Amino acid sequence: MTGASGFVAGVVVSQAVGGWEVHAVDRKEVSFARDGLFWHTFDLLDSARMRELFREVKPDAVVHAAAAADIDFCENNRAAVEAVNVGVTREIVRNCAEHGARLVYLSTDTVFDGKKGMYAEADEPAPVNFYGDTKFRAEQIVRTELPEAAIPRLSLVIGFPFVSGGNSFLASMAAALSQGKEYGVTDEEIRTPVDVVTLARAFLELAGNNFAGFIHLAGCDRMNRHAASLLIADRFGYPRELVIVKNVGSFPGRAPRPIDVSLDNSLARATLKTPMLGLAGALDLIAATKP
């Protein structure tokens, strides 16, 4: 598991209990511990150390979640982001191929241009920002060099982090609203929000099966970010009047975003045992599993 202290990967680590021996890789020192969990602290840009770890562990499956994912940071730090999002993925693909390890590569709805919405797996990517571009090019590397790999594309991820803060908009929203502060979100961007616990369970299922190719992991409700945030505020008891609409243009220095990158989850619902949920069910699951 790469990027194991991050928001999404940290929940995967927390959910991988029972028959899983988990080797978690991150450049940060992490105190989270349990039986069957082994931490390896190094920078994934250290390709020699990565090759050494593959030889030591001989993994059956690799869930590659590590990435520079802040869209605005990516837009302004292209060389560094290229090295992580594309270069590291290429190295992981080569190591998986050499050692016969299954790969689950986490991608994003942001590979699409947002002009039509409800994208299916066969739709052609056309990213509008550098983050989406790097993820699209990494997808191509995975698909070309390791065609048996699974490539889940994620929609807007909702949940609380288990290991560290990471990039959880729900955590930042809850922190603001619990202090009586306004939280501004746009009503111009449309997504199919999915909870992080469902995602973690789906990744583990994919790590243990032989599904190959793209699969869209998304919720069953298509809505704009403001509407989703109002439902979240209601579910967790925060004042909904503090959730305010902010025009996209009012976020200074914001990189371009696609307008409607809602994902069609029909394939996931037909293929996986892990159910894809509507937002109400997803929020109930988040509340039931909140760390």
Foldseek 3Di string as FASTA:
>chain_A
DEPCLAFLNVLLVVPPDDPAQEEYEEQDDFDDDDPSYHYDHDDLLPLVVVLVVCVVPLAQADEDDDADDPQLVCQVPVVVRLCGLAVSLLSVLVSCVVSVHAYEYEAALQQAQQPPAADEQPDDGDHQGSNSVSRVNSLVSCCVSPQQHEYEYEKAEAAQGDTDHHDHPNVVVCVQQVVVAADEDAQQAKEQYFYSNLVSVVSVQRSPDRDGGYAYQGAPDIGGPLVLVLVLCVLVVGPNVSYHYDDPVVPPSDGDGHRHSYHNRVCVCVPDPRDHHHSVVSSVVNVVPPD
